[in-house]
Amino acid sequence: MAENLSIVQQIKALDEQRSKLLETAKAEALAKANEAVEDLNAMGFKYALTDLTMKPKAKAATVKREPSGAPCGYCGFATIPPHDKRSHRTQKKKRPFTDAELKELGLVKA
């Protein structure tokens, strides 16, 4: 009968046989893995078997915060463009910006 089938048909038949074998092997391996995870959970460990081929959930878009234009909590004055306490995060000891630092950052006192 194989002689009557074309090469394309033979390849399709082999692909079907291969996929059936893979599914059977996957099911057997998954059953063993689930049994092992259940044993670990019974011993008090917390394990879960996951399928990494599933797409992860989309992360929430990050919100870019903009200064409100109110006076800075450290400097006590407003600048153009506005800045706030987050601008001081690189300072070890938080203090108002000097005139040189304001110029370097491109800020002008309002």
Protein backbone atom coordinates (compact mmCIF):
# COMPACT_ATOMS: atom_id res chain seq x y z
CA MET A 1 0.00 0.00 0.00
CA ALA A 2 2.95 2.32 0.68
CA GLU A 3 3.84 1.96 -2.99
CA ASN A 4 0.43 3.30 -3.97
CA LEU A 5 0.84 6.44 -1.82
CA SER A 6 2.64 9.44 -3.18
CA ILE A 7 5.69 10.82 -1.40
CA VAL A 8 3.68 13.76 -0.06
CA GLN A 9 1.05 11.42 1.37
CA GLN A 10 3.76 9.29 2.99
CA ILE A 11 5.30 12.38 4.59
CA LYS A 12 1.90 13.47 5.91
CA ALA A 13 1.32 10.01 7.38
CA LEU A 14 4.75 10.09 9.05
CA ASP A 15 4.04 13.57 10.46
CA GLU A 16 0.75 12.36 11.92
CA GLN A 17 2.47 9.33 13.46
CA ARG A 18 5.23 11.55 14.87
CA SER A 19 2.74 13.99 16.43
CA LYS A 20 0.80 11.09 18.04
CA LEU A 21 4.03 9.69 19.49
CA LEU A 22 5.05 13.10 20.81
CA GLU A 23 1.65 13.64 22.43
CA THR A 24 1.84 10.23 24.12
CA ALA A 25 5.38 10.88 25.37
CA LYS A 26 4.40 14.36 26.58
CA ALA A 27 1.37 13.03 28.45
CA GLU A 28 3.46 10.35 30.18
CA ALA A 29 6.20 12.81 31.16
CA LEU A 30 3.64 15.34 32.38
CA ALA A 31 1.92 12.70 34.52
CA LYS A 32 5.28 11.83 36.13
CA ALA A 33 6.09 15.49 36.71
CA ASN A 34 2.69 16.22 38.26
CA GLU A 35 3.10 13.22 40.55
CA ALA A 36 6.53 14.50 41.66
CA VAL A 37 5.15 17.99 42.33
CA GLU A 38 2.28 16.50 44.35
CA ASP A 39 4.81 14.53 46.43
CA LEU A 40 6.82 17.70 47.10
CA ASN A 41 3.67 19.60 48.07
CA ALA A 42 2.67 16.76 50.41
CA MET A 43 6.07 17.13 52.14
CA GLY A 44 5.30 20.79 52.82
CA PHE A 45 7.13 22.41 49.92
CA LYS A 46 5.25 24.77 47.63
CA TYR A 47 5.85 23.93 43.97
CA ALA A 48 3.80 24.45 40.85
CA LEU A 49 4.28 23.08 37.36
CA THR A 50 3.78 25.76 34.71
CA ASP A 51 3.65 25.82 30.95
CA LEU A 52 6.08 28.46 29.68
CA THR A 53 4.73 28.29 26.14
CA MET A 54 1.74 30.36 27.25
CA LYS A 55 2.04 34.09 26.64
CA PRO A 56 2.67 36.09 29.81
CA LYS A 57 0.18 38.73 30.82
CA ALA A 58 0.89 42.16 29.45
CA LYS A 59 2.48 44.49 31.96
CA ALA A 60 0.68 47.66 32.85
CA ALA A 61 2.04 50.70 31.08
CA THR A 62 4.26 52.79 33.30
CA VAL A 63 3.06 56.28 34.02
CA LYS A 64 5.62 59.03 33.49
CA ARG A 65 5.22 61.53 36.27
CA GLU A 66 5.69 65.19 35.59
CA PRO A 67 6.46 67.84 38.24
CA SER A 68 3.43 69.95 39.13
CA GLY A 69 5.17 73.32 38.97
CA ALA A 70 4.78 73.87 42.73
CA PRO A 71 7.89 74.79 44.71
CA CYS A 72 10.29 71.87 45.33
CA GLY A 73 10.19 70.33 48.79
CA TYR A 74 13.98 70.56 49.14
CA CYS A 75 14.76 73.83 47.36
CA GLY A 76 11.70 75.78 48.43
CA PHE A 77 11.42 77.48 45.03
CA ALA A 78 9.92 76.71 41.64
CA THR A 79 11.95 76.49 38.45
CA ILE A 80 11.39 76.65 34.73
CA PRO A 81 11.03 73.87 33.61
CA PRO A 82 9.48 72.62 36.85
CA HIS A 83 11.32 70.15 39.09
CA ASP A 84 10.42 68.37 42.33
CA LYS A 85 12.02 66.16 45.00
CA ARG A 86 12.72 63.38 42.49
CA SER A 87 15.30 65.66 40.85
CA HIS A 88 17.37 65.43 44.04
CA ARG A 89 17.60 61.62 44.09
CA THR A 90 21.29 61.65 43.06
CA GLN A 91 22.28 63.83 46.01
CA LYS A 92 23.60 61.95 49.05
CA LYS A 93 22.49 64.72 51.40
CA LYS A 94 19.32 66.38 50.10
CA ARG A 95 19.76 70.15 49.81
CA PRO A 96 18.70 72.98 47.51
CA PHE A 97 20.43 73.14 44.15
CA THR A 98 23.16 75.73 43.79
CA ASP A 99 23.10 78.23 40.92
CA ALA A 100 25.78 76.17 39.13
CA GLU A 101 23.75 72.96 39.51
CA LEU A 102 20.62 74.71 38.26
CA LYS A 103 22.51 75.89 35.19
CA GLU A 104 23.94 72.40 34.61
CA LEU A 105 20.44 70.89 34.82
CA GLY A 106 19.00 73.54 32.52
CA LEU A 107 16.76 74.99 35.22
CA VAL A 108 16.05 78.66 35.95
CA LYS A 109 14.47 79.99 39.16
CA ALA A 110 10.93 81.16 38.51
